[in-house]
Structure formats: C-alpha cells, structure tokens
Protein backbone atom coordinates (compact mmCIF):
# COMPACT_ATOMS: atom_id res chain seq x y z
CA MET A 1 -10.53 3.79 -8.96
CA GLU A 2 -11.10 1.79 -5.73
CA HIS A 3 -10.37 -2.07 -7.51
CA PRO A 4 -6.07 -1.35 -7.71
CA ALA A 5 -7.55 0.43 -3.64
CA TYR A 6 -8.85 -3.70 -2.63
CA THR A 7 -6.40 -5.23 -4.55
CA LEU A 8 -3.93 -4.16 -2.37
CA ALA A 9 -5.48 -4.02 1.23
CA ALA A 10 -5.73 -8.10 0.06
CA LEU A 11 -2.47 -8.09 -1.06
CA CYS A 12 -0.99 -6.69 1.66
CA SER A 13 -2.82 -8.21 4.58
CA VAL A 14 -2.04 -11.93 2.87
CA GLY A 15 1.78 -10.90 2.96
CA GLY A 16 1.66 -9.64 6.37
CA ILE A 17 0.42 -12.85 7.65
CA ILE A 18 2.33 -14.99 5.09
CA GLY A 19 5.88 -13.22 6.69
CA TYR A 20 4.58 -13.05 9.78
CA ALA A 21 4.12 -17.47 9.47
CA ARG A 22 6.85 -17.76 7.93
CA LYS A 23 9.02 -16.55 10.16
CA ARG A 24 7.76 -15.14 13.03
CA SER A 25 7.94 -11.54 12.09
CA LEU A 26 5.72 -9.33 13.87
CA PRO A 27 6.74 -6.23 11.88
CA SER A 28 6.22 -7.63 9.12
CA LEU A 29 2.56 -8.93 10.68
CA ALA A 30 2.10 -5.05 12.41
CA GLY A 31 2.63 -3.48 8.45
CA GLY A 32 1.15 -5.85 6.54
CA ILE A 33 -2.48 -5.80 8.02
CA GLY A 34 -1.67 -1.75 9.16
CA VAL A 35 -0.96 -0.87 5.33
CA GLY A 36 -3.72 -3.27 4.69
CA LEU A 37 -6.32 -1.60 6.64
CA LEU A 38 -5.17 2.44 5.09
CA TYR A 39 -6.07 0.34 1.05
CA GLY A 40 -9.06 -0.46 2.38
CA ALA A 41 -10.07 2.38 4.33
CA GLY A 42 -9.61 4.44 1.36
CA GLY A 43 -10.95 2.00 -1.25
CA TYR A 44 -14.20 1.86 0.98
CA LEU A 45 -14.08 5.89 0.75
CA MET A 46 -13.92 6.19 -2.90
CA GLN A 47 -16.33 3.76 -3.41
CA GLN A 48 -18.66 5.84 -1.63
CA ASN A 49 -17.52 8.81 -3.15
CA ARG A 50 -16.86 10.69 0.17
CA ASP A 51 -13.76 12.63 1.50
CA TYR A 52 -10.20 10.79 1.38
CA GLY A 53 -10.01 7.51 0.48
CA VAL A 54 -7.86 8.80 -2.67
CA HIS A 55 -5.72 10.63 0.45
CA LEU A 56 -5.36 7.42 2.51
CA ALA A 57 -4.57 5.23 -0.72
CA LEU A 58 -2.29 7.49 -1.97
CA SER A 59 -0.70 7.12 1.92
CA ALA A 60 -0.63 3.76 2.21
CA SER A 61 1.64 3.41 -1.05
CA ILE A 62 4.40 5.85 -0.35
CA LEU A 63 4.75 4.90 3.08
CA LEU A 64 5.08 0.90 1.72
CA THR A 65 7.14 2.42 -0.82
CA ALA A 66 9.21 4.09 2.61
CA ALA A 67 9.15 1.28 4.63
CA SER A 68 10.36 -1.33 2.01
CA ALA A 69 13.34 0.74 -0.49
CA PRO A 70 15.64 0.92 2.70
CA ARG A 71 15.90 -3.75 2.45
CA ALA A 72 15.00 -3.90 -1.22
CA PHE A 73 17.98 -1.28 -1.91
CA LYS A 74 20.16 -2.73 0.92
CA THR A 75 19.05 -6.17 0.16
CA ARG A 76 18.27 -6.94 -3.36
CA ALA A 77 15.78 -9.54 -2.11
CA PRO A 78 13.07 -9.80 -3.93
CA VAL A 79 9.97 -9.57 -1.93
CA PRO A 80 10.96 -5.95 -1.02
CA LEU A 81 12.15 -5.12 -4.33
CA CYS A 82 8.62 -6.11 -5.79
CA LEU A 83 6.96 -4.12 -2.64
CA THR A 84 9.05 -0.91 -3.70
CA ALA A 85 7.24 -0.95 -7.26
CA ILE A 86 4.23 -1.69 -6.34
CA GLY A 87 4.54 0.94 -4.72
CA LEU A 88 6.10 2.99 -6.11
CA ILE A 89 3.13 2.48 -9.26
CA THR A 90 0.55 3.00 -6.84
CA ALA A 91 2.23 5.98 -5.35
CA SER A 92 1.99 7.48 -8.96
CA TYR A 93 -1.61 5.89 -9.97
CA TYR A 94 -3.42 7.44 -6.81
CA GLY A 95 -0.94 11.09 -6.72
CA LYS A 96 -1.90 11.17 -10.26
CA LYS A 97 -5.93 10.98 -9.66
CA TYR A 98 -4.98 13.62 -6.78
CA PHE A 99 -4.19 15.80 -9.25
CA GLU A 100 -7.12 15.24 -11.27
CA PHE A 101 -9.56 15.65 -8.23
CA TYR A 102 -8.24 18.22 -5.87
CA LEU A 103 -5.58 20.47 -7.94
CA GLN A 104 -6.53 21.79 -11.19
C-alpha cells in the first residue's frame, strides 16, 4: 500500500525540479517538493504500520488534484491534465483504503 505513495513522492519531487529547471517556476518547485514530501511521509508511516499514513497520502492526492485541475481545465495542457488524472486515481485508491481501515 505504501508503494504508490513512494512512487508519487519521487515523481512529484522530480516533476517540481524539472518545472523549475525549465521555466524557473518557484511554485512548481515548492508544490512538487511539498506534495512529494507528503506522499513520502505517508508511505513511510504506512510502511511502519503507524497512524495517519493513509491520511497523508489521501491529503496529498486531494492537494495534487485541487492544484492542477483549474489549470488543466483552462489550458488543456498535457502536464496539468496528467497531474489531475493521477491525483484523481490516487485519491480514489487512498479514499478506498481509508474507508476500509477506518469506516468499516
């Protein structure tokens, strides 16, 4: 369950660094590293069977979706569309896990 979180931690962090390197976009750098840290912390907590790992990964997914969706709908550019899709998919995944662990 922590593998998607670790994968997205790496992808978001690298994506933020690439966004900064290509366009000197500090919001891309801060957003990518920030969301990557949330995913990484969530993955670590899940791996250690500690509380709040699923919460962090779900929060990171919601944040990723909320941050990328307006730009995706406005510009129809491939990167924001992919980020929105990834955010929605992982929010669904971690939402399901949250429901299974905490609400059943």
